[in-house]
Amino acid sequence: MPLNKVSVSRLLSEKSASIFCVTEETSIEQAVSEMNRQRIGSILVKKGSSVCGIFTERDVLTRVVSAGRDPKATQVRDVMTESFQFICPDTSVEDAMQMMTNKRVRHLPVLEDGQLRGMISIGDVTRWLLKVNEMEAENLRRYVFAEYPG
């Protein structure tokens, strides 16, 4: 199956449906604690029912630690990335991978009509590429070692 023919909705269907979010009023300490508990590198930030930003490990390093902010007293809204990259469910895996590379992001929220459908990470894309490569290698082995009809 060619990479450019597969949409990220396929990747979403093969991974956990869990989407982790915090509110914009959440403290940095609480957000980082949740990220650590879930073993994730980013968490979506919601205002009401809509996504208003993303809070990442990079935000912690550049906007909290380097800036000398108090994680207990600082709210996520003060340091989150508001203008975040996102994709639609019908975006191809290849296009998602290209966006991650070009924009230097490791997590892409998947939104459809403004509604959150999931999150794709660079790890998800890498696992998919490995799976595709393994299938191609197996198909080549079968072709090369197939017995000729006698």
N, C-alpha and C. Protein backbone atom coordinates (compact mmCIF):
# COMPACT_ATOMS: atom_id res chain seq x y z
N MET A 1 0.85 -1.18 0.00
CA MET A 1 0.00 0.00 0.00
C MET A 1 0.89 1.24 0.00
N PRO A 2 0.77 2.04 -1.03
CA PRO A 2 1.62 3.24 -1.14
C PRO A 2 1.33 4.22 -0.01
N LEU A 3 2.41 4.82 0.48
CA LEU A 3 2.33 5.74 1.60
C LEU A 3 1.41 6.91 1.29
N ASN A 4 1.49 7.43 0.07
CA ASN A 4 0.70 8.62 -0.26
C ASN A 4 -0.78 8.33 -0.43
N LYS A 5 -1.17 7.09 -0.39
CA LYS A 5 -2.58 6.73 -0.54
C LYS A 5 -3.27 6.50 0.80
N VAL A 6 -2.51 6.48 1.87
CA VAL A 6 -3.07 6.17 3.19
C VAL A 6 -3.28 7.46 3.96
N SER A 7 -4.47 7.64 4.50
CA SER A 7 -4.77 8.86 5.27
C SER A 7 -4.46 8.64 6.75
N VAL A 8 -4.30 9.74 7.45
CA VAL A 8 -4.01 9.65 8.88
C VAL A 8 -5.18 9.05 9.66
N SER A 9 -6.37 9.06 9.08
CA SER A 9 -7.51 8.42 9.77
C SER A 9 -7.23 6.93 9.96
N ARG A 10 -6.48 6.34 9.05
CA ARG A 10 -6.09 4.93 9.18
C ARG A 10 -5.18 4.75 10.38
N LEU A 11 -4.22 5.65 10.57
CA LEU A 11 -3.33 5.58 11.72
C LEU A 11 -4.12 5.75 13.01
N LEU A 12 -5.07 6.69 13.00
CA LEU A 12 -5.89 6.92 14.19
C LEU A 12 -6.69 5.67 14.56
N SER A 13 -7.16 4.95 13.54
CA SER A 13 -7.97 3.76 13.81
C SER A 13 -7.15 2.63 14.40
N GLU A 14 -5.82 2.69 14.24
CA GLU A 14 -4.96 1.62 14.73
C GLU A 14 -4.27 1.95 16.05
N LYS A 15 -4.60 3.10 16.64
CA LYS A 15 -3.96 3.46 17.91
C LYS A 15 -5.02 3.74 18.95
N SER A 16 -4.59 3.97 20.15
CA SER A 16 -5.50 4.26 21.24
C SER A 16 -6.36 5.48 20.91
N ALA A 17 -7.59 5.43 21.29
CA ALA A 17 -8.51 6.55 21.03
C ALA A 17 -8.35 7.67 22.05
N SER A 18 -7.48 7.46 23.04
CA SER A 18 -7.31 8.46 24.09
C SER A 18 -6.68 9.73 23.55
N ILE A 19 -7.30 10.85 23.89
CA ILE A 19 -6.76 12.16 23.56
C ILE A 19 -6.67 12.92 24.87
N PHE A 20 -5.47 13.38 25.19
CA PHE A 20 -5.26 14.03 26.47
C PHE A 20 -5.28 15.54 26.32
N CYS A 21 -6.05 16.18 27.19
CA CYS A 21 -6.22 17.63 27.13
C CYS A 21 -6.19 18.22 28.53
N VAL A 22 -5.86 19.49 28.59
CA VAL A 22 -5.97 20.28 29.82
C VAL A 22 -6.69 21.56 29.46
N THR A 23 -7.14 22.28 30.46
CA THR A 23 -7.75 23.59 30.19
C THR A 23 -6.65 24.65 30.21
N GLU A 24 -6.96 25.80 29.67
CA GLU A 24 -5.95 26.87 29.63
C GLU A 24 -5.61 27.41 31.01
N GLU A 25 -6.45 27.13 32.01
CA GLU A 25 -6.19 27.57 33.38
C GLU A 25 -5.31 26.59 34.15
N THR A 26 -5.05 25.43 33.60
CA THR A 26 -4.23 24.42 34.27
C THR A 26 -2.83 24.98 34.52
N SER A 27 -2.28 24.65 35.68
CA SER A 27 -0.91 25.10 35.96
C SER A 27 0.08 24.27 35.15
N ILE A 28 1.24 24.84 34.92
CA ILE A 28 2.30 24.12 34.22
C ILE A 28 2.65 22.85 34.99
N GLU A 29 2.73 22.95 36.31
CA GLU A 29 3.05 21.78 37.12
C GLU A 29 2.05 20.65 36.89
N GLN A 30 0.75 20.97 36.86
CA GLN A 30 -0.28 19.96 36.64
C GLN A 30 -0.21 19.40 35.22
N ALA A 31 0.02 20.26 34.23
CA ALA A 31 0.09 19.81 32.83
C ALA A 31 1.27 18.87 32.62
N VAL A 32 2.44 19.24 33.17
CA VAL A 32 3.63 18.39 33.04
C VAL A 32 3.41 17.07 33.77
N SER A 33 2.78 17.13 34.92
CA SER A 33 2.48 15.91 35.68
C SER A 33 1.60 14.98 34.85
N GLU A 34 0.59 15.53 34.20
CA GLU A 34 -0.30 14.71 33.36
C GLU A 34 0.45 14.14 32.15
N MET A 35 1.30 14.96 31.53
CA MET A 35 2.10 14.48 30.40
C MET A 35 3.00 13.33 30.84
N ASN A 36 3.63 13.46 32.00
CA ASN A 36 4.48 12.39 32.52
C ASN A 36 3.67 11.14 32.84
N ARG A 37 2.51 11.33 33.45
CA ARG A 37 1.66 10.19 33.82
C ARG A 37 1.22 9.42 32.56
N GLN A 38 0.90 10.14 31.50
CA GLN A 38 0.44 9.51 30.27
C GLN A 38 1.58 9.12 29.32
N ARG A 39 2.79 9.55 29.68
CA ARG A 39 3.99 9.29 28.86
C ARG A 39 3.83 9.86 27.46
N ILE A 40 3.46 11.14 27.41
CA ILE A 40 3.26 11.84 26.14
C ILE A 40 4.11 13.11 26.12
N GLY A 41 4.44 13.57 24.92
CA GLY A 41 5.31 14.73 24.77
C GLY A 41 4.58 16.03 24.53
N SER A 42 3.27 15.95 24.40
CA SER A 42 2.48 17.17 24.24
C SER A 42 1.06 16.90 24.71
N ILE A 43 0.37 17.99 25.01
CA ILE A 43 -1.01 17.86 25.47
C ILE A 43 -1.79 19.02 24.86
N LEU A 44 -3.00 18.73 24.44
CA LEU A 44 -3.82 19.77 23.83
C LEU A 44 -4.46 20.63 24.91
N VAL A 45 -4.66 21.89 24.58
CA VAL A 45 -5.24 22.84 25.52
C VAL A 45 -6.61 23.24 24.99
N LYS A 46 -7.60 23.14 25.86
CA LYS A 46 -8.97 23.46 25.45
C LYS A 46 -9.51 24.67 26.19
N LYS A 47 -10.32 25.41 25.48
CA LYS A 47 -11.10 26.50 26.05
C LYS A 47 -12.54 26.12 25.73
N GLY A 48 -13.26 25.72 26.74
CA GLY A 48 -14.60 25.18 26.49
C GLY A 48 -14.47 23.87 25.75
N SER A 49 -15.16 23.75 24.63
CA SER A 49 -15.09 22.51 23.85
C SER A 49 -14.13 22.60 22.67
N SER A 50 -13.49 23.75 22.48
CA SER A 50 -12.60 23.87 21.33
C SER A 50 -11.12 23.89 21.74
N VAL A 51 -10.28 23.41 20.84
CA VAL A 51 -8.84 23.39 21.07
C VAL A 51 -8.30 24.79 20.79
N CYS A 52 -7.60 25.35 21.78
CA CYS A 52 -7.07 26.72 21.62
C CYS A 52 -5.55 26.74 21.59
N GLY A 53 -4.92 25.57 21.78
CA GLY A 53 -3.47 25.53 21.75
C GLY A 53 -2.94 24.14 22.03
N ILE A 54 -1.62 24.07 22.00
CA ILE A 54 -0.93 22.82 22.32
C ILE A 54 0.23 23.18 23.25
N PHE A 55 0.46 22.33 24.23
CA PHE A 55 1.54 22.54 25.18
C PHE A 55 2.50 21.36 25.04
N THR A 56 3.76 21.65 24.73
CA THR A 56 4.73 20.61 24.41
C THR A 56 5.93 20.65 25.34
N GLU A 57 6.73 19.59 25.25
CA GLU A 57 7.99 19.54 26.00
C GLU A 57 8.86 20.75 25.64
N ARG A 58 8.86 21.12 24.39
CA ARG A 58 9.65 22.27 23.95
C ARG A 58 9.17 23.55 24.62
N ASP A 59 7.85 23.69 24.79
CA ASP A 59 7.31 24.86 25.50
C ASP A 59 7.81 24.89 26.94
N VAL A 60 7.89 23.72 27.58
CA VAL A 60 8.39 23.65 28.95
C VAL A 60 9.82 24.18 28.99
N LEU A 61 10.64 23.71 28.07
CA LEU A 61 12.05 24.10 28.07
C LEU A 61 12.27 25.57 27.73
N THR A 62 11.61 26.04 26.68
CA THR A 62 11.89 27.40 26.20
C THR A 62 11.09 28.48 26.90
N ARG A 63 9.87 28.19 27.31
CA ARG A 63 9.00 29.23 27.85
C ARG A 63 8.79 29.16 29.36
N VAL A 64 9.21 28.05 29.96
CA VAL A 64 9.06 27.92 31.40
C VAL A 64 10.44 27.89 32.06
N VAL A 65 11.20 26.84 31.79
CA VAL A 65 12.50 26.68 32.44
C VAL A 65 13.45 27.82 32.08
N SER A 66 13.65 28.05 30.78
CA SER A 66 14.59 29.10 30.35
C SER A 66 14.14 30.49 30.78
N ALA A 67 12.84 30.69 30.88
CA ALA A 67 12.31 32.00 31.28
C ALA A 67 12.25 32.16 32.81
N GLY A 68 12.56 31.10 33.53
CA GLY A 68 12.55 31.16 34.99
C GLY A 68 11.17 31.29 35.60
N ARG A 69 10.15 30.79 34.92
CA ARG A 69 8.78 30.87 35.44
C ARG A 69 8.53 29.80 36.51
N ASP A 70 7.66 30.11 37.42
CA ASP A 70 7.26 29.18 38.46
C ASP A 70 6.18 28.25 37.90
N PRO A 71 6.47 26.95 37.77
CA PRO A 71 5.49 26.01 37.19
C PRO A 71 4.19 25.90 38.00
N LYS A 72 4.25 26.20 39.29
CA LYS A 72 3.05 26.12 40.12
C LYS A 72 2.15 27.34 39.92
N ALA A 73 2.76 28.48 39.63
CA ALA A 73 2.00 29.73 39.52
C ALA A 73 1.67 30.12 38.08
N THR A 74 2.29 29.48 37.10
CA THR A 74 2.08 29.83 35.70
C THR A 74 1.01 28.94 35.10
N GLN A 75 0.10 29.53 34.37
CA GLN A 75 -0.96 28.76 33.70
C GLN A 75 -0.51 28.40 32.29
N VAL A 76 -1.07 27.31 31.79
CA VAL A 76 -0.74 26.83 30.46
C VAL A 76 -0.99 27.92 29.41
N ARG A 77 -2.05 28.70 29.56
CA ARG A 77 -2.39 29.74 28.58
C ARG A 77 -1.24 30.72 28.36
N ASP A 78 -0.38 30.90 29.38
CA ASP A 78 0.71 31.87 29.30
C ASP A 78 1.90 31.37 28.49
N VAL A 79 1.99 30.07 28.26
CA VAL A 79 3.18 29.53 27.59
C VAL A 79 2.87 28.53 26.48
N MET A 80 1.60 28.24 26.23
CA MET A 80 1.25 27.27 25.20
C MET A 80 1.53 27.84 23.81
N THR A 81 1.56 26.97 22.83
CA THR A 81 1.67 27.38 21.44
C THR A 81 0.25 27.57 20.92
N GLU A 82 -0.10 28.82 20.63
CA GLU A 82 -1.47 29.11 20.19
C GLU A 82 -1.66 28.84 18.70
N SER A 83 -0.69 29.21 17.90
CA SER A 83 -0.82 29.01 16.44
C SER A 83 -0.15 27.69 16.08
N PHE A 84 -0.84 26.61 16.39
CA PHE A 84 -0.29 25.27 16.20
C PHE A 84 -0.65 24.70 14.84
N GLN A 85 0.18 23.78 14.39
CA GLN A 85 -0.08 23.06 13.14
C GLN A 85 -1.10 21.97 13.42
N PHE A 86 -1.99 21.72 12.45
CA PHE A 86 -2.92 20.61 12.59
C PHE A 86 -3.22 20.06 11.21
N ILE A 87 -3.83 18.89 11.18
CA ILE A 87 -4.18 18.24 9.92
C ILE A 87 -5.62 17.76 9.99
N CYS A 88 -6.15 17.35 8.84
CA CYS A 88 -7.49 16.78 8.73
C CYS A 88 -7.37 15.26 8.64
N PRO A 89 -8.43 14.54 8.95
CA PRO A 89 -8.37 13.08 8.89
C PRO A 89 -8.00 12.53 7.51
N ASP A 90 -8.34 13.26 6.44
CA ASP A 90 -8.02 12.74 5.11
C ASP A 90 -6.64 13.15 4.60
N THR A 91 -5.85 13.83 5.44
CA THR A 91 -4.47 14.16 5.09
C THR A 91 -3.69 12.85 4.93
N SER A 92 -2.87 12.76 3.91
CA SER A 92 -2.09 11.54 3.71
C SER A 92 -0.99 11.46 4.76
N VAL A 93 -0.57 10.24 5.06
CA VAL A 93 0.53 10.03 6.00
C VAL A 93 1.78 10.73 5.46
N GLU A 94 1.98 10.65 4.16
CA GLU A 94 3.14 11.30 3.53
C GLU A 94 3.11 12.81 3.75
N ASP A 95 1.95 13.43 3.58
CA ASP A 95 1.83 14.88 3.80
C ASP A 95 2.03 15.24 5.27
N ALA A 96 1.52 14.40 6.16
CA ALA A 96 1.71 14.64 7.59
C ALA A 96 3.19 14.56 7.95
N MET A 97 3.87 13.57 7.40
CA MET A 97 5.30 13.40 7.65
C MET A 97 6.08 14.60 7.11
N GLN A 98 5.71 15.07 5.93
CA GLN A 98 6.37 16.23 5.34
C GLN A 98 6.14 17.47 6.20
N MET A 99 4.93 17.66 6.69
CA MET A 99 4.63 18.81 7.55
C MET A 99 5.44 18.74 8.84
N MET A 100 5.52 17.56 9.44
CA MET A 100 6.29 17.41 10.67
C MET A 100 7.76 17.77 10.43
N THR A 101 8.28 17.34 9.30
CA THR A 101 9.67 17.63 8.97
C THR A 101 9.88 19.11 8.70
N ASN A 102 9.04 19.68 7.85
CA ASN A 102 9.20 21.08 7.45
C ASN A 102 8.96 22.05 8.60
N LYS A 103 7.96 21.77 9.42
CA LYS A 103 7.59 22.68 10.52
C LYS A 103 8.29 22.34 11.83
N ARG A 104 9.05 21.24 11.82
CA ARG A 104 9.80 20.81 13.00
C ARG A 104 8.88 20.60 14.21
N VAL A 105 7.80 19.85 13.98
CA VAL A 105 6.88 19.49 15.06
C VAL A 105 6.82 17.97 15.16
N ARG A 106 6.54 17.49 16.35
CA ARG A 106 6.48 16.05 16.58
C ARG A 106 5.06 15.55 16.85
N HIS A 107 4.12 16.49 16.94
CA HIS A 107 2.73 16.11 17.23
C HIS A 107 1.81 16.97 16.37
N LEU A 108 0.84 16.32 15.73
CA LEU A 108 -0.15 17.04 14.93
C LEU A 108 -1.56 16.65 15.37
N PRO A 109 -2.30 17.61 15.92
CA PRO A 109 -3.70 17.34 16.21
C PRO A 109 -4.45 17.11 14.90
N VAL A 110 -5.43 16.23 14.95
CA VAL A 110 -6.27 15.95 13.79
C VAL A 110 -7.64 16.56 14.08
N LEU A 111 -8.00 17.58 13.29
CA LEU A 111 -9.27 18.29 13.47
C LEU A 111 -10.14 18.11 12.24
N GLU A 112 -11.43 17.98 12.47
CA GLU A 112 -12.39 17.88 11.38
C GLU A 112 -13.57 18.78 11.73
N ASP A 113 -13.80 19.77 10.89
CA ASP A 113 -14.86 20.75 11.14
C ASP A 113 -14.73 21.37 12.53
N GLY A 114 -13.49 21.65 12.92
CA GLY A 114 -13.23 22.26 14.22
C GLY A 114 -13.28 21.31 15.40
N GLN A 115 -13.63 20.06 15.16
CA GLN A 115 -13.73 19.07 16.22
C GLN A 115 -12.47 18.21 16.27
N LEU A 116 -11.99 17.95 17.47
CA LEU A 116 -10.80 17.14 17.68
C LEU A 116 -11.10 15.67 17.41
N ARG A 117 -10.33 15.07 16.51
CA ARG A 117 -10.52 13.66 16.16
C ARG A 117 -9.39 12.77 16.67
N GLY A 118 -8.24 13.39 17.00
CA GLY A 118 -7.12 12.60 17.48
C GLY A 118 -5.82 13.37 17.40
N MET A 119 -4.74 12.65 17.64
CA MET A 119 -3.40 13.25 17.61
C MET A 119 -2.47 12.24 16.96
N ILE A 120 -1.66 12.72 16.03
CA ILE A 120 -0.67 11.89 15.37
C ILE A 120 0.70 12.36 15.82
N SER A 121 1.54 11.42 16.23
CA SER A 121 2.90 11.77 16.65
C SER A 121 3.90 11.25 15.63
N ILE A 122 5.12 11.74 15.72
CA ILE A 122 6.18 11.25 14.84
C ILE A 122 6.39 9.75 15.07
N GLY A 123 6.15 9.29 16.29
CA GLY A 123 6.26 7.86 16.58
C GLY A 123 5.22 7.05 15.82
N ASP A 124 3.99 7.58 15.71
CA ASP A 124 2.94 6.91 14.94
C ASP A 124 3.34 6.77 13.48
N VAL A 125 3.88 7.86 12.92
CA VAL A 125 4.30 7.86 11.52
C VAL A 125 5.47 6.89 11.32
N THR A 126 6.41 6.89 12.24
CA THR A 126 7.56 6.00 12.14
C THR A 126 7.13 4.54 12.20
N ARG A 127 6.22 4.22 13.12
CA ARG A 127 5.70 2.84 13.21
C ARG A 127 5.01 2.44 11.92
N TRP A 128 4.25 3.36 11.32
CA TRP A 128 3.55 3.07 10.07
C TRP A 128 4.57 2.81 8.96
N LEU A 129 5.60 3.65 8.87
CA LEU A 129 6.62 3.46 7.84
C LEU A 129 7.32 2.11 8.00
N LEU A 130 7.62 1.74 9.23
CA LEU A 130 8.24 0.45 9.49
C LEU A 130 7.34 -0.69 9.02
N LYS A 131 6.07 -0.59 9.31
CA LYS A 131 5.09 -1.61 8.90
C LYS A 131 5.03 -1.71 7.37
N VAL A 132 4.98 -0.57 6.69
CA VAL A 132 4.93 -0.55 5.22
C VAL A 132 6.21 -1.17 4.66
N ASN A 133 7.36 -0.80 5.21
CA ASN A 133 8.63 -1.34 4.72
C ASN A 133 8.72 -2.85 4.95
N GLU A 134 8.25 -3.33 6.08
CA GLU A 134 8.26 -4.77 6.36
C GLU A 134 7.36 -5.52 5.37
N MET A 135 6.20 -4.94 5.05
CA MET A 135 5.29 -5.58 4.09
C MET A 135 5.91 -5.62 2.70
N GLU A 136 6.56 -4.53 2.29
CA GLU A 136 7.21 -4.49 0.98
C GLU A 136 8.34 -5.51 0.91
N ALA A 137 9.14 -5.62 1.97
CA ALA A 137 10.24 -6.58 2.00
C ALA A 137 9.70 -8.01 1.90
N GLU A 138 8.63 -8.29 2.62
CA GLU A 138 8.03 -9.63 2.57
C GLU A 138 7.50 -9.93 1.17
N ASN A 139 6.85 -8.97 0.54
CA ASN A 139 6.36 -9.17 -0.83
C ASN A 139 7.50 -9.42 -1.80
N LEU A 140 8.61 -8.71 -1.65
CA LEU A 140 9.78 -8.94 -2.50
C LEU A 140 10.36 -10.33 -2.27
N ARG A 141 10.45 -10.76 -0.99
CA ARG A 141 10.96 -12.10 -0.69
C ARG A 141 10.08 -13.16 -1.35
N ARG A 142 8.78 -12.99 -1.24
CA ARG A 142 7.86 -13.96 -1.86
C ARG A 142 8.05 -13.98 -3.37
N TYR A 143 8.23 -12.84 -3.97
CA TYR A 143 8.41 -12.76 -5.42
C TYR A 143 9.72 -13.43 -5.85
N VAL A 144 10.81 -13.11 -5.15
CA VAL A 144 12.12 -13.63 -5.52
C VAL A 144 12.20 -15.15 -5.31
N PHE A 145 11.62 -15.65 -4.23
CA PHE A 145 11.75 -17.06 -3.90
C PHE A 145 10.54 -17.91 -4.31
N ALA A 146 9.65 -17.31 -5.06
CA ALA A 146 8.48 -18.06 -5.52
C ALA A 146 8.91 -19.15 -6.50
N GLU A 147 8.26 -20.28 -6.43
CA GLU A 147 8.57 -21.36 -7.36
C GLU A 147 7.90 -21.06 -8.69
N TYR A 148 8.64 -21.38 -9.75
CA TYR A 148 8.09 -21.19 -11.09
C TYR A 148 7.11 -22.31 -11.41
N PRO A 149 6.01 -21.95 -12.04
CA PRO A 149 5.05 -23.00 -12.42
C PRO A 149 5.72 -23.93 -13.44
N GLY A 150 5.61 -25.19 -13.23
CA GLY A 150 6.32 -26.17 -14.04
C GLY A 150 5.55 -26.65 -15.15
